[in-house]
Each structure stands twice: as C-alpha cells, then as structure tokens.
PDB file of N, CA and C in Angstrom:
ATOM      1  N   UNK A   1     108.768 106.050  98.786  1.00  0.00           N
ATOM      2  CA  UNK A   1     109.623 105.244  99.633  1.00  0.00           C
ATOM      3  C   UNK A   1     110.679 106.113 100.312  1.00  0.00           C
ATOM      4  N   UNK A   2     111.242 107.095  99.580  1.00  0.00           N
ATOM      5  CA  UNK A   2     112.236 107.986 100.193  1.00  0.00           C
ATOM      6  C   UNK A   2     111.626 108.807 101.313  1.00  0.00           C
ATOM      7  N   UNK A   3     110.442 109.308 101.071  1.00  0.00           N
ATOM      8  CA  UNK A   3     109.761 110.117 102.080  1.00  0.00           C
ATOM      9  C   UNK A   3     109.512 109.299 103.346  1.00  0.00           C
ATOM     10  N   UNK A   4     109.032 108.089 103.183  1.00  0.00           N
ATOM     11  CA  UNK A   4     108.712 107.239 104.334  1.00  0.00           C
ATOM     12  C   UNK A   4     109.958 106.773 105.078  1.00  0.00           C
ATOM     13  N   UNK A   5     111.098 106.703 104.403  1.00  0.00           N
ATOM     14  CA  UNK A   5     112.312 106.209 105.067  1.00  0.00           C
ATOM     15  C   UNK A   5     112.815 107.188 106.113  1.00  0.00           C
ATOM     16  N   UNK A   6     112.595 108.472 105.905  1.00  0.00           N
ATOM     17  CA  UNK A   6     113.050 109.490 106.848  1.00  0.00           C
ATOM     18  C   UNK A   6     114.558 109.615 106.926  1.00  0.00           C
ATOM     19  N   UNK A   7     115.289 108.932 106.038  1.00  0.00           N
ATOM     20  CA  UNK A   7     116.750 108.922 106.087  1.00  0.00           C
ATOM     21  C   UNK A   7     117.365 110.242 105.651  1.00  0.00           C
ATOM     22  N   UNK A   8     116.698 110.936 104.778  1.00  0.00           N
ATOM     23  CA  UNK A   8     117.251 112.184 104.250  1.00  0.00           C
ATOM     24  C   UNK A   8     116.099 113.096 103.852  1.00  0.00           C
ATOM     25  N   UNK A   9     116.319 114.410 103.897  1.00  0.00           N
ATOM     26  CA  UNK A   9     115.252 115.318 103.453  1.00  0.00           C
ATOM     27  C   UNK A   9     114.940 115.089 101.970  1.00  0.00           C
ATOM     28  N   UNK A  10     113.698 115.188 101.608  1.00  0.00           N
ATOM     29  CA  UNK A  10     113.262 115.011 100.233  1.00  0.00           C
ATOM     30  C   UNK A  10     112.687 116.322  99.731  1.00  0.00           C
ATOM     31  N   UNK A  11     113.211 116.827  98.617  1.00  0.00           N
ATOM     32  CA  UNK A  11     112.744 118.070  98.013  1.00  0.00           C
ATOM     33  C   UNK A  11     112.184 117.749  96.630  1.00  0.00           C
ATOM     34  N   UNK A  12     111.033 118.302  96.315  1.00  0.00           N
ATOM     35  CA  UNK A  12     110.408 118.104  95.018  1.00  0.00           C
ATOM     36  C   UNK A  12     110.399 119.415  94.249  1.00  0.00           C
ATOM     37  N   UNK A  13     110.499 119.317  92.925  1.00  0.00           N
ATOM     38  CA  UNK A  13     110.584 120.514  92.096  1.00  0.00           C
ATOM     39  C   UNK A  13     109.235 121.035  91.635  1.00  0.00           C
ATOM     40  N   UNK A  14     108.222 120.196  91.586  1.00  0.00           N
ATOM     41  CA  UNK A  14     106.907 120.661  91.141  1.00  0.00           C
ATOM     42  C   UNK A  14     106.794 120.667  89.636  1.00  0.00           C
ATOM     43  N   UNK A  15     105.874 121.468  89.120  1.00  0.00           N
ATOM     44  CA  UNK A  15     105.656 121.547  87.682  1.00  0.00           C
ATOM     45  C   UNK A  15     104.594 120.574  87.225  1.00  0.00           C
ATOM     46  N   UNK A  16     104.465 120.487  85.918  1.00  0.00           N
ATOM     47  CA  UNK A  16     103.512 119.566  85.301  1.00  0.00           C
ATOM     48  C   UNK A  16     104.226 118.257  85.014  1.00  0.00           C
ATOM     49  N   UNK A  17     103.522 117.152  85.213  1.00  0.00           N
ATOM     50  CA  UNK A  17     104.103 115.847  84.945  1.00  0.00           C
ATOM     51  C   UNK A  17     103.760 115.460  83.503  1.00  0.00           C
ATOM     52  N   UNK A  18     104.805 115.216  82.723  1.00  0.00           N
ATOM     53  CA  UNK A  18     104.635 114.814  81.327  1.00  0.00           C
ATOM     54  C   UNK A  18     104.211 113.354  81.304  1.00  0.00           C
ATOM     55  N   UNK A  19     103.078 113.067  80.669  1.00  0.00           N
ATOM     56  CA  UNK A  19     102.494 111.741  80.703  1.00  0.00           C
ATOM     57  C   UNK A  19     103.380 110.634  80.178  1.00  0.00           C
ATOM     58  N   UNK A  20     104.055 110.858  79.066  1.00  0.00           N
ATOM     59  CA  UNK A  20     104.837 109.804  78.422  1.00  0.00           C
ATOM     60  C   UNK A  20     106.008 109.338  79.283  1.00  0.00           C
ATOM     61  N   UNK A  21     106.724 110.280  79.886  1.00  0.00           N
ATOM     62  CA  UNK A  21     107.944 109.930  80.622  1.00  0.00           C
ATOM     63  C   UNK A  21     107.819 110.090  82.131  1.00  0.00           C
ATOM     64  N   UNK A  22     106.808 110.792  82.593  1.00  0.00           N
ATOM     65  CA  UNK A  22     106.671 111.061  84.023  1.00  0.00           C
ATOM     66  C   UNK A  22     107.579 112.172  84.495  1.00  0.00           C
ATOM     67  N   UNK A  23     108.219 112.875  83.569  1.00  0.00           N
ATOM     68  CA  UNK A  23     109.132 113.970  83.916  1.00  0.00           C
ATOM     69  C   UNK A  23     108.344 115.214  84.319  1.00  0.00           C
ATOM     70  N   UNK A  24     108.862 115.943  85.305  1.00  0.00           N
ATOM     71  CA  UNK A  24     108.292 117.235  85.682  1.00  0.00           C
ATOM     72  C   UNK A  24     108.839 118.299  84.740  1.00  0.00           C
ATOM     73  N   UNK A  25     107.964 119.089  84.163  1.00  0.00           N
ATOM     74  CA  UNK A  25     108.360 120.117  83.204  1.00  0.00           C
ATOM     75  C   UNK A  25     107.599 121.400  83.489  1.00  0.00           C
ATOM     76  N   UNK A  26     108.046 122.478  82.862  1.00  0.00           N
ATOM     77  CA  UNK A  26     107.325 123.732  82.952  1.00  0.00           C
ATOM     78  C   UNK A  26     108.044 124.800  83.757  1.00  0.00           C
ATOM     79  N   UNK A  27     107.423 125.968  83.804  1.00  0.00           N
ATOM     80  CA  UNK A  27     108.020 127.144  84.435  1.00  0.00           C
ATOM     81  C   UNK A  27     108.291 126.952  85.921  1.00  0.00           C
ATOM     82  N   UNK A  28     107.436 126.225  86.621  1.00  0.00           N
ATOM     83  CA  UNK A  28     107.636 126.010  88.060  1.00  0.00           C
ATOM     84  C   UNK A  28     108.947 125.271  88.314  1.00  0.00           C
ATOM     85  N   UNK A  29     109.216 124.239  87.520  1.00  0.00           N
ATOM     86  CA  UNK A  29     110.456 123.472  87.668  1.00  0.00           C
ATOM     87  C   UNK A  29     111.653 124.346  87.329  1.00  0.00           C
ATOM     88  N   UNK A  30     111.552 125.110  86.251  1.00  0.00           N
ATOM     89  CA  UNK A  30     112.674 125.956  85.840  1.00  0.00           C
ATOM     90  C   UNK A  30     113.002 127.003  86.901  1.00  0.00           C
ATOM     91  N   UNK A  31     111.976 127.590  87.524  1.00  0.00           N
ATOM     92  CA  UNK A  31     112.219 128.559  88.608  1.00  0.00           C
ATOM     93  C   UNK A  31     112.882 127.889  89.807  1.00  0.00           C
ATOM     94  N   UNK A  32     112.427 126.692  90.150  1.00  0.00           N
ATOM     95  CA  UNK A  32     113.010 125.969  91.281  1.00  0.00           C
ATOM     96  C   UNK A  32     114.474 125.631  91.012  1.00  0.00           C
ATOM     97  N   UNK A  33     114.786 125.178  89.812  1.00  0.00           N
ATOM     98  CA  UNK A  33     116.163 124.837  89.477  1.00  0.00           C
ATOM     99  C   UNK A  33     117.070 126.068  89.439  1.00  0.00           C
ATOM    100  N   UNK A  34     116.515 127.195  89.057  1.00  0.00           N
ATOM    101  CA  UNK A  34     117.298 128.429  89.015  1.00  0.00           C
ATOM    102  C   UNK A  34     117.698 128.889  90.418  1.00  0.00           C
ATOM    103  N   UNK A  35     116.949 128.465  91.415  1.00  0.00           N
ATOM    104  CA  UNK A  35     117.183 128.929  92.787  1.00  0.00           C
ATOM    105  C   UNK A  35     118.071 128.000  93.605  1.00  0.00           C
ATOM    106  N   UNK A  36     118.447 126.848  93.052  1.00  0.00           N
ATOM    107  CA  UNK A  36     119.205 125.896  93.855  1.00  0.00           C
ATOM    108  C   UNK A  36     120.564 125.594  93.236  1.00  0.00           C
ATOM    109  N   UNK A  37     121.417 124.974  94.043  1.00  0.00           N
ATOM    110  CA  UNK A  37     122.725 124.478  93.589  1.00  0.00           C
ATOM    111  C   UNK A  37     122.877 123.071  94.163  1.00  0.00           C
ATOM    112  N   UNK A  38     123.166 122.101  93.302  1.00  0.00           N
ATOM    113  CA  UNK A  38     123.325 120.718  93.751  1.00  0.00           C
ATOM    114  C   UNK A  38     124.743 120.247  93.442  1.00  0.00           C
ATOM    115  N   UNK A  39     125.188 119.248  94.182  1.00  0.00           N
ATOM    116  CA  UNK A  39     126.520 118.709  93.950  1.00  0.00           C
ATOM    117  C   UNK A  39     126.615 117.979  92.619  1.00  0.00           C
ATOM    118  N   UNK A  40     125.617 117.148  92.348  1.00  0.00           N
ATOM    119  CA  UNK A  40     125.663 116.373  91.108  1.00  0.00           C
ATOM    120  C   UNK A  40     124.253 116.152  90.564  1.00  0.00           C
ATOM    121  N   UNK A  41     124.131 116.290  89.252  1.00  0.00           N
ATOM    122  CA  UNK A  41     122.873 116.005  88.567  1.00  0.00           C
ATOM    123  C   UNK A  41     123.068 114.725  87.767  1.00  0.00           C
ATOM    124  N   UNK A  42     122.129 113.810  87.893  1.00  0.00           N
ATOM    125  CA  UNK A  42     122.116 112.585  87.101  1.00  0.00           C
ATOM    126  C   UNK A  42     121.055 112.755  86.024  1.00  0.00           C
ATOM    127  N   UNK A  43     121.471 112.687  84.766  1.00  0.00           N
ATOM    128  CA  UNK A  43     120.572 112.938  83.647  1.00  0.00           C
ATOM    129  C   UNK A  43     120.556 111.770  82.682  1.00  0.00           C
ATOM    130  N   UNK A  44     119.409 111.540  82.099  1.00  0.00           N
ATOM    131  CA  UNK A  44     119.299 110.624  80.979  1.00  0.00           C
ATOM    132  C   UNK A  44     119.278 111.422  79.690  1.00  0.00           C
ATOM    133  N   UNK A  45     119.447 110.755  78.591  1.00  0.00           N
ATOM    134  CA  UNK A  45     119.397 111.405  77.287  1.00  0.00           C
ATOM    135  C   UNK A  45     118.870 110.423  76.250  1.00  0.00           C
ATOM    136  N   UNK A  46     118.292 110.943  75.195  1.00  0.00           N
ATOM    137  CA  UNK A  46     117.843 110.088  74.104  1.00  0.00           C
ATOM    138  C   UNK A  46     118.942 109.876  73.079  1.00  0.00           C
ATOM    139  N   UNK A  47     119.854 110.855  72.964  1.00  0.00           N
ATOM    140  CA  UNK A  47     120.932 110.757  71.997  1.00  0.00           C
ATOM    141  C   UNK A  47     122.194 111.417  72.513  1.00  0.00           C
ATOM    142  N   UNK A  48     123.346 110.929  72.022  1.00  0.00           N
ATOM    143  CA  UNK A  48     124.644 111.459  72.425  1.00  0.00           C
ATOM    144  C   UNK A  48     125.565 111.442  71.211  1.00  0.00           C
ATOM    145  N   UNK A  49     125.948 112.639  70.747  1.00  0.00           N
ATOM    146  CA  UNK A  49     126.849 112.759  69.607  1.00  0.00           C
ATOM    147  C   UNK A  49     127.914 113.806  69.900  1.00  0.00           C
ATOM    148  N   UNK A  50     128.992 113.747  69.134  1.00  0.00           N
ATOM    149  CA  UNK A  50     130.070 114.727  69.283  1.00  0.00           C
ATOM    150  C   UNK A  50     129.556 116.128  68.939  1.00  0.00           C
ATOM    151  N   UNK A  51     128.868 116.257  67.828  1.00  0.00           N
ATOM    152  CA  UNK A  51     128.462 117.577  67.339  1.00  0.00           C
ATOM    153  C   UNK A  51     127.334 118.229  68.131  1.00  0.00           C
ATOM    154  N   UNK A  52     126.363 117.461  68.584  1.00  0.00           N
ATOM    155  CA  UNK A  52     125.194 118.047  69.249  1.00  0.00           C
ATOM    156  C   UNK A  52     125.134 117.741  70.734  1.00  0.00           C
ATOM    157  N   UNK A  53     126.032 116.926  71.243  1.00  0.00           N
ATOM    158  CA  UNK A  53     126.036 116.604  72.668  1.00  0.00           C
ATOM    159  C   UNK A  53     124.843 115.753  73.042  1.00  0.00           C
ATOM    160  N   UNK A  54     124.124 116.194  74.075  1.00  0.00           N
ATOM    161  CA  UNK A  54     122.956 115.470  74.584  1.00  0.00           C
ATOM    162  C   UNK A  54     121.695 116.019  73.935  1.00  0.00           C
ATOM    163  N   UNK A  55     120.849 115.123  73.435  1.00  0.00           N
ATOM    164  CA  UNK A  55     119.639 115.567  72.750  1.00  0.00           C
ATOM    165  C   UNK A  55     118.422 114.764  73.200  1.00  0.00           C
ATOM    166  N   UNK A  56     117.266 115.372  73.009  1.00  0.00           N
ATOM    167  CA  UNK A  56     115.989 114.729  73.294  1.00  0.00           C
ATOM    168  C   UNK A  56     114.962 115.262  72.309  1.00  0.00           C
ATOM    169  N   UNK A  57     113.816 114.621  72.238  1.00  0.00           N
ATOM    170  CA  UNK A  57     112.805 115.058  71.285  1.00  0.00           C
ATOM    171  C   UNK A  57     111.802 116.054  71.866  1.00  0.00           C
ATOM    172  N   UNK A  58     111.800 116.241  73.169  1.00  0.00           N
ATOM    173  CA  UNK A  58     110.784 117.099  73.780  1.00  0.00           C
ATOM    174  C   UNK A  58     111.391 118.413  74.267  1.00  0.00           C
ATOM    175  N   UNK A  59     110.920 119.553  73.764  1.00  0.00           N
ATOM    176  CA  UNK A  59     111.487 120.847  74.161  1.00  0.00           C
ATOM    177  C   UNK A  59     111.328 121.159  75.654  1.00  0.00           C
ATOM    178  N   UNK A  60     110.214 120.750  76.261  1.00  0.00           N
ATOM    179  CA  UNK A  60     110.010 121.018  77.686  1.00  0.00           C
ATOM    180  C   UNK A  60     110.993 120.227  78.549  1.00  0.00           C
ATOM    181  N   UNK A  61     111.205 118.961  78.202  1.00  0.00           N
ATOM    182  CA  UNK A  61     112.182 118.165  78.942  1.00  0.00           C
ATOM    183  C   UNK A  61     113.595 118.692  78.710  1.00  0.00           C
ATOM    184  N   UNK A  62     113.894 119.126  77.491  1.00  0.00           N
ATOM    185  CA  UNK A  62     115.213 119.690  77.196  1.00  0.00           C
ATOM    186  C   UNK A  62     115.478 120.927  78.055  1.00  0.00           C
ATOM    187  N   UNK A  63     114.482 121.780  78.229  1.00  0.00           N
ATOM    188  CA  UNK A  63     114.651 122.983  79.048  1.00  0.00           C
ATOM    189  C   UNK A  63     114.960 122.622  80.493  1.00  0.00           C
ATOM    190  N   UNK A  64     114.268 121.619  81.025  1.00  0.00           N
ATOM    191  CA  UNK A  64     114.506 121.190  82.409  1.00  0.00           C
ATOM    192  C   UNK A  64     115.890 120.568  82.534  1.00  0.00           C
ATOM    193  N   UNK A  65     116.282 119.729  81.592  1.00  0.00           N
ATOM    194  CA  UNK A  65     117.594 119.090  81.662  1.00  0.00           C
ATOM    195  C   UNK A  65     118.724 120.115  81.553  1.00  0.00           C
ATOM    196  N   UNK A  66     118.547 121.109  80.710  1.00  0.00           N
ATOM    197  CA  UNK A  66     119.545 122.171  80.606  1.00  0.00           C
ATOM    198  C   UNK A  66     119.654 122.939  81.923  1.00  0.00           C
ATOM    199  N   UNK A  67     118.518 123.237  82.530  1.00  0.00           N
ATOM    200  CA  UNK A  67     118.516 123.935  83.822  1.00  0.00           C
ATOM    201  C   UNK A  67     119.135 123.069  84.913  1.00  0.00           C
ATOM    202  N   UNK A  68     118.941 121.752  84.833  1.00  0.00           N
ATOM    203  CA  UNK A  68     119.568 120.848  85.800  1.00  0.00           C
ATOM    204  C   UNK A  68     121.092 120.910  85.670  1.00  0.00           C
ATOM    205  N   UNK A  69     121.581 120.966  84.440  1.00  0.00           N
ATOM    206  CA  UNK A  69     123.029 121.103  84.220  1.00  0.00           C
ATOM    207  C   UNK A  69     123.543 122.400  84.826  1.00  0.00           C
ATOM    208  N   UNK A  70     122.800 123.475  84.637  1.00  0.00           N
ATOM    209  CA  UNK A  70     123.204 124.781  85.175  1.00  0.00           C
ATOM    210  C   UNK A  70     123.220 124.795  86.702  1.00  0.00           C
ATOM    211  N   UNK A  71     122.349 124.019  87.318  1.00  0.00           N
ATOM    212  CA  UNK A  71     122.232 124.004  88.782  1.00  0.00           C
ATOM    213  C   UNK A  71     123.263 123.095  89.448  1.00  0.00           C
ATOM    214  N   UNK A  72     123.963 122.293  88.654  1.00  0.00           N
ATOM    215  CA  UNK A  72     124.839 121.270  89.219  1.00  0.00           C
ATOM    216  C   UNK A  72     126.319 121.643  89.141  1.00  0.00           C
ATOM    217  N   UNK A  73     127.041 121.261  90.187  1.00  0.00           N
ATOM    218  CA  UNK A  73     128.494 121.398  90.159  1.00  0.00           C
ATOM    219  C   UNK A  73     129.110 120.370  89.213  1.00  0.00           C
ATOM    220  N   UNK A  74     128.507 119.170  89.177  1.00  0.00           N
ATOM    221  CA  UNK A  74     128.952 118.086  88.295  1.00  0.00           C
ATOM    222  C   UNK A  74     127.733 117.471  87.616  1.00  0.00           C
ATOM    223  N   UNK A  75     127.932 117.009  86.391  1.00  0.00           N
ATOM    224  CA  UNK A  75     126.851 116.391  85.624  1.00  0.00           C
ATOM    225  C   UNK A  75     127.264 114.973  85.249  1.00  0.00           C
ATOM    226  N   UNK A  76     126.435 114.008  85.654  1.00  0.00           N
ATOM    227  CA  UNK A  76     126.622 112.611  85.291  1.00  0.00           C
ATOM    228  C   UNK A  76     125.505 112.217  84.338  1.00  0.00           C
ATOM    229  N   UNK A  77     125.878 111.674  83.197  1.00  0.00           N
ATOM    230  CA  UNK A  77     124.905 111.230  82.206  1.00  0.00           C
ATOM    231  C   UNK A  77     124.809 109.717  82.269  1.00  0.00           C
ATOM    232  N   UNK A  78     123.590 109.225  82.384  1.00  0.00           N
ATOM    233  CA  UNK A  78     123.302 107.797  82.396  1.00  0.00           C
ATOM    234  C   UNK A  78     122.732 107.442  81.029  1.00  0.00           C
ATOM    235  N   UNK A  79     123.546 106.792  80.194  1.00  0.00           N
ATOM    236  CA  UNK A  79     123.109 106.503  78.827  1.00  0.00           C
ATOM    237  C   UNK A  79     123.688 105.184  78.355  1.00  0.00           C
ATOM    238  N   UNK A  80     122.824 104.240  78.000  1.00  0.00           N
ATOM    239  CA  UNK A  80     123.343 102.999  77.449  1.00  0.00           C
ATOM    240  C   UNK A  80     123.869 103.258  76.038  1.00  0.00           C
ATOM    241  N   UNK A  81     124.645 102.321  75.543  1.00  0.00           N
ATOM    242  CA  UNK A  81     125.349 102.514  74.273  1.00  0.00           C
ATOM    243  C   UNK A  81     124.415 102.670  73.069  1.00  0.00           C
ATOM    244  N   UNK A  82     123.159 102.316  73.194  1.00  0.00           N
ATOM    245  CA  UNK A  82     122.223 102.513  72.081  1.00  0.00           C
ATOM    246  C   UNK A  82     121.984 103.992  71.790  1.00  0.00           C
ATOM    247  N   UNK A  83     122.351 104.866  72.712  1.00  0.00           N
ATOM    248  CA  UNK A  83     122.168 106.311  72.527  1.00  0.00           C
ATOM    249  C   UNK A  83     123.310 106.937  71.722  1.00  0.00           C
ATOM    250  N   UNK A  84     124.466 106.264  71.663  1.00  0.00           N
ATOM    251  CA  UNK A  84     125.639 106.801  70.983  1.00  0.00           C
ATOM    252  C   UNK A  84     125.378 106.968  69.489  1.00  0.00           C
ATOM    253  N   UNK A  85     125.717 108.140  68.970  1.00  0.00           N
ATOM    254  CA  UNK A  85     125.589 108.397  67.549  1.00  0.00           C
ATOM    255  C   UNK A  85     124.199 108.780  67.091  1.00  0.00           C
ATOM    256  N   UNK A  86     123.260 108.879  68.023  1.00  0.00           N
ATOM    257  CA  UNK A  86     121.894 109.276  67.662  1.00  0.00           C
ATOM    258  C   UNK A  86     121.630 110.688  68.166  1.00  0.00           C
ATOM    259  N   UNK A  87     120.935 111.453  67.348  1.00  0.00           N
ATOM    260  CA  UNK A  87     120.569 112.800  67.785  1.00  0.00           C
ATOM    261  C   UNK A  87     119.095 113.041  67.519  1.00  0.00           C
ATOM    262  N   UNK A  88     118.538 113.894  68.374  1.00  0.00           N
ATOM    263  CA  UNK A  88     117.120 114.202  68.303  1.00  0.00           C
ATOM    264  C   UNK A  88     116.930 115.704  68.135  1.00  0.00           C
ATOM    265  N   UNK A  89     115.716 116.147  68.141  1.00  0.00           N
ATOM    266  CA  UNK A  89     115.344 117.516  67.791  1.00  0.00           C
ATOM    267  C   UNK A  89     116.055 118.592  68.604  1.00  0.00           C
ATOM    268  N   UNK A  90     116.129 118.436  69.910  1.00  0.00           N
ATOM    269  CA  UNK A  90     116.605 119.497  70.790  1.00  0.00           C
ATOM    270  C   UNK A  90     117.901 119.085  71.486  1.00  0.00           C
ATOM    271  N   UNK A  91     118.925 119.926  71.372  1.00  0.00           N
ATOM    272  CA  UNK A  91     120.161 119.727  72.124  1.00  0.00           C
ATOM    273  C   UNK A  91     120.024 120.463  73.448  1.00  0.00           C
ATOM    274  N   UNK A  92     120.321 119.776  74.566  1.00  0.00           N
ATOM    275  CA  UNK A  92     120.198 120.449  75.856  1.00  0.00           C
ATOM    276  C   UNK A  92     121.519 120.588  76.592  1.00  0.00           C
ATOM    277  N   UNK A  93     122.593 119.975  76.089  1.00  0.00           N
ATOM    278  CA  UNK A  93     123.904 120.153  76.716  1.00  0.00           C
ATOM    279  C   UNK A  93     125.003 119.729  75.760  1.00  0.00           C
ATOM    280  N   UNK A  94     126.022 120.562  75.625  1.00  0.00           N
ATOM    281  CA  UNK A  94     127.212 120.194  74.873  1.00  0.00           C
ATOM    282  C   UNK A  94     128.023 119.191  75.683  1.00  0.00           C
ATOM    283  N   UNK A  95     128.914 118.486  75.017  1.00  0.00           N
ATOM    284  CA  UNK A  95     129.780 117.540  75.716  1.00  0.00           C
ATOM    285  C   UNK A  95     130.588 118.226  76.821  1.00  0.00           C
ATOM    286  N   UNK A  96     130.929 119.492  76.638  1.00  0.00           N
ATOM    287  CA  UNK A  96     131.721 120.225  77.630  1.00  0.00           C
ATOM    288  C   UNK A  96     131.027 120.351  78.979  1.00  0.00           C
ATOM    289  N   UNK A  97     129.736 120.139  79.027  1.00  0.00           N
ATOM    290  CA  UNK A  97     128.992 120.243  80.287  1.00  0.00           C
ATOM    291  C   UNK A  97     128.954 118.937  81.065  1.00  0.00           C
ATOM    292  N   UNK A  98     129.469 117.853  80.472  1.00  0.00           N
ATOM    293  CA  UNK A  98     129.421 116.531  81.093  1.00  0.00           C
ATOM    294  C   UNK A  98     130.711 116.273  81.868  1.00  0.00           C
ATOM    295  N   UNK A  99     130.567 115.720  83.068  1.00  0.00           N
ATOM    296  CA  UNK A  99     131.724 115.302  83.854  1.00  0.00           C
ATOM    297  C   UNK A  99     131.917 113.793  83.827  1.00  0.00           C
ATOM    298  N   UNK A 100     130.810 113.050  83.820  1.00  0.00           N
ATOM    299  CA  UNK A 100     130.851 111.588  83.911  1.00  0.00           C
ATOM    300  C   UNK A 100     129.800 111.003  82.970  1.00  0.00           C
ATOM    301  N   UNK A 101     130.186 109.938  82.265  1.00  0.00           N
ATOM    302  CA  UNK A 101     129.236 109.157  81.473  1.00  0.00           C
ATOM    303  C   UNK A 101     129.194 107.753  82.055  1.00  0.00           C
ATOM    304  N   UNK A 102     128.019 107.350  82.516  1.00  0.00           N
ATOM    305  CA  UNK A 102     127.807 106.000  83.025  1.00  0.00           C
ATOM    306  C   UNK A 102     127.080 105.234  81.927  1.00  0.00           C
ATOM    307  N   UNK A 103     127.706 104.158  81.454  1.00  0.00           N
ATOM    308  CA  UNK A 103     127.155 103.436  80.310  1.00  0.00           C
ATOM    309  C   UNK A 103     127.467 101.950  80.396  1.00  0.00           C
ATOM    310  N   UNK A 104     126.926 101.193  79.461  1.00  0.00           N
ATOM    311  CA  UNK A 104     127.085  99.742  79.478  1.00  0.00           C
ATOM    312  C   UNK A 104     128.209  99.235  78.590  1.00  0.00           C
ATOM    313  N   UNK A 105     128.715 100.071  77.691  1.00  0.00           N
ATOM    314  CA  UNK A 105     129.729  99.642  76.739  1.00  0.00           C
ATOM    315  C   UNK A 105     130.615 100.828  76.387  1.00  0.00           C
ATOM    316  N   UNK A 106     131.907 100.634  76.209  1.00  0.00           N
ATOM    317  CA  UNK A 106     132.787 101.766  75.928  1.00  0.00           C
ATOM    318  C   UNK A 106     132.430 102.454  74.612  1.00  0.00           C
ATOM    319  N   UNK A 107     132.396 103.780  74.611  1.00  0.00           N
ATOM    320  CA  UNK A 107     132.213 104.499  73.348  1.00  0.00           C
ATOM    321  C   UNK A 107     133.397 104.228  72.425  1.00  0.00           C
ATOM    322  N   UNK A 108     133.166 104.340  71.130  1.00  0.00           N
ATOM    323  CA  UNK A 108     134.216 104.101  70.157  1.00  0.00           C
ATOM    324  C   UNK A 108     134.340 105.299  69.220  1.00  0.00           C
ATOM    325  N   UNK A 109     135.373 105.281  68.387  1.00  0.00           N
ATOM    326  CA  UNK A 109     135.548 106.261  67.331  1.00  0.00           C
ATOM    327  C   UNK A 109     135.643 107.692  67.822  1.00  0.00           C
ATOM    328  N   UNK A 110     135.014 108.574  67.061  1.00  0.00           N
ATOM    329  CA  UNK A 110     135.080 110.010  67.348  1.00  0.00           C
ATOM    330  C   UNK A 110     134.498 110.357  68.711  1.00  0.00           C
ATOM    331  N   UNK A 111     133.442 109.652  69.116  1.00  0.00           N
ATOM    332  CA  UNK A 111     132.843 109.931  70.418  1.00  0.00           C
ATOM    333  C   UNK A 111     133.825 109.600  71.535  1.00  0.00           C
ATOM    334  N   UNK A 112     134.488 108.468  71.436  1.00  0.00           N
ATOM    335  CA  UNK A 112     135.480 108.096  72.445  1.00  0.00           C
ATOM    336  C   UNK A 112     136.581 109.146  72.527  1.00  0.00           C
ATOM    337  N   UNK A 113     137.051 109.596  71.378  1.00  0.00           N
ATOM    338  CA  UNK A 113     138.092 110.619  71.345  1.00  0.00           C
ATOM    339  C   UNK A 113     137.641 111.931  71.948  1.00  0.00           C
ATOM    340  N   UNK A 114     136.419 112.338  71.630  1.00  0.00           N
ATOM    341  CA  UNK A 114     135.888 113.604  72.153  1.00  0.00           C
ATOM    342  C   UNK A 114     135.720 113.554  73.669  1.00  0.00           C
ATOM    343  N   UNK A 115     135.238 112.428  74.183  1.00  0.00           N
ATOM    344  CA  UNK A 115     135.087 112.288  75.635  1.00  0.00           C
ATOM    345  C   UNK A 115     136.448 112.328  76.315  1.00  0.00           C
ATOM    346  N   UNK A 116     137.415 111.625  75.744  1.00  0.00           N
ATOM    347  CA  UNK A 116     138.771 111.609  76.299  1.00  0.00           C
ATOM    348  C   UNK A 116     139.387 113.007  76.281  1.00  0.00           C
ATOM    349  N   UNK A 117     139.266 113.716  75.152  1.00  0.00           N
ATOM    350  CA  UNK A 117     139.849 115.055  75.020  1.00  0.00           C
ATOM    351  C   UNK A 117     139.271 116.035  76.015  1.00  0.00           C
ATOM    352  N   UNK A 118     138.040 115.833  76.412  1.00  0.00           N
ATOM    353  CA  UNK A 118     137.380 116.729  77.365  1.00  0.00           C
ATOM    354  C   UNK A 118     137.542 116.271  78.820  1.00  0.00           C
ATOM    355  N   UNK A 119     138.206 115.172  79.010  1.00  0.00           N
ATOM    356  CA  UNK A 119     138.421 114.658  80.370  1.00  0.00           C
ATOM    357  C   UNK A 119     137.173 114.099  81.009  1.00  0.00           C
ATOM    358  N   UNK A 120     136.246 113.621  80.197  1.00  0.00           N
ATOM    359  CA  UNK A 120     134.996 113.062  80.722  1.00  0.00           C
ATOM    360  C   UNK A 120     135.254 111.620  81.173  1.00  0.00           C
ATOM    361  N   UNK A 121     134.955 111.346  82.422  1.00  0.00           N
ATOM    362  CA  UNK A 121     135.139 110.010  82.972  1.00  0.00           C
ATOM    363  C   UNK A 121     134.044 109.093  82.434  1.00  0.00           C
ATOM    364  N   UNK A 122     134.437 107.925  81.945  1.00  0.00           N
ATOM    365  CA  UNK A 122     133.481 106.931  81.466  1.00  0.00           C
ATOM    366  C   UNK A 122     133.453 105.798  82.485  1.00  0.00           C
ATOM    367  N   UNK A 123     132.284 105.533  83.044  1.00  0.00           N
ATOM    368  CA  UNK A 123     132.115 104.488  84.055  1.00  0.00           C
ATOM    369  C   UNK A 123     131.342 103.337  83.419  1.00  0.00           C
ATOM    370  N   UNK A 124     131.951 102.148  83.505  1.00  0.00           N
ATOM    371  CA  UNK A 124     131.368 100.933  82.932  1.00  0.00           C
ATOM    372  C   UNK A 124     131.049  99.952  84.055  1.00  0.00           C
ATOM    373  N   UNK A 125     130.154  98.970  83.765  1.00  0.00           N
ATOM    374  CA  UNK A 125     129.828  97.985  84.806  1.00  0.00           C
ATOM    375  C   UNK A 125     131.037  97.129  85.199  1.00  0.00           C
TER     376      UNK A 125
END
C-alpha cells in the first residue's frame, strides 16, 4: 500500500523473512542497517525489565533490533503492559537506549522509577 501511494519513498532492508513473525533477519539486513541513519526506530519487544532492558526469544531478531537501535537517533518502543517484568533469552537493548515507551498502561514500581530516572518519555492512550 505504501509503494502504491507514491506519497513517500519506500526503502526495504532485505534479508530472510522469519516465518513466525514475518521479520526480516540475517546478514543482509544487518549490513543495510549499518549503512543508514534514521531519525526514529519503532521497535516491539517480548519483554521489558529494569535489569535486562528489551528482550526477545530469537537471536536473529535480537541482532536486527539491536542494529536498528544503533542506526536510530531516537528509539521508540511499542510495548503493551503485558511485556513489563518479563524477560526472554536475548537482551537486545538496555533501558538507556530507549527514548520513548508507547504503552497501554503506566509502568509501576521499579520499572516506573527506572524509566523516570533515565528520562524516558512514557506515552499512553
């Protein structure tokens, strides 16, 4: 739909498409991300904790998400509150790499304090 709209240039990263999530992964994507700089990266996560930051269960997706953080001037995380306090196998970004958290419910406890201490903006509906 974006391509057909002609409203803005569309750039694709390439790589292999992971069947479960439809995410592009692999060396081709990592090389493409290493060569670019974007204003803002919007990322999802499977888990968000104070100690491990953003986590996921797939190492290939974690590598791409980490490279996306490196390529971005700002990082916005899109995570509903069910992700708070859960951690998975691979950490791909510390809390210090996050600029904005877009979520459905305010974080509480230690997570709320850690986000506040780091100046991370929390955006709610």
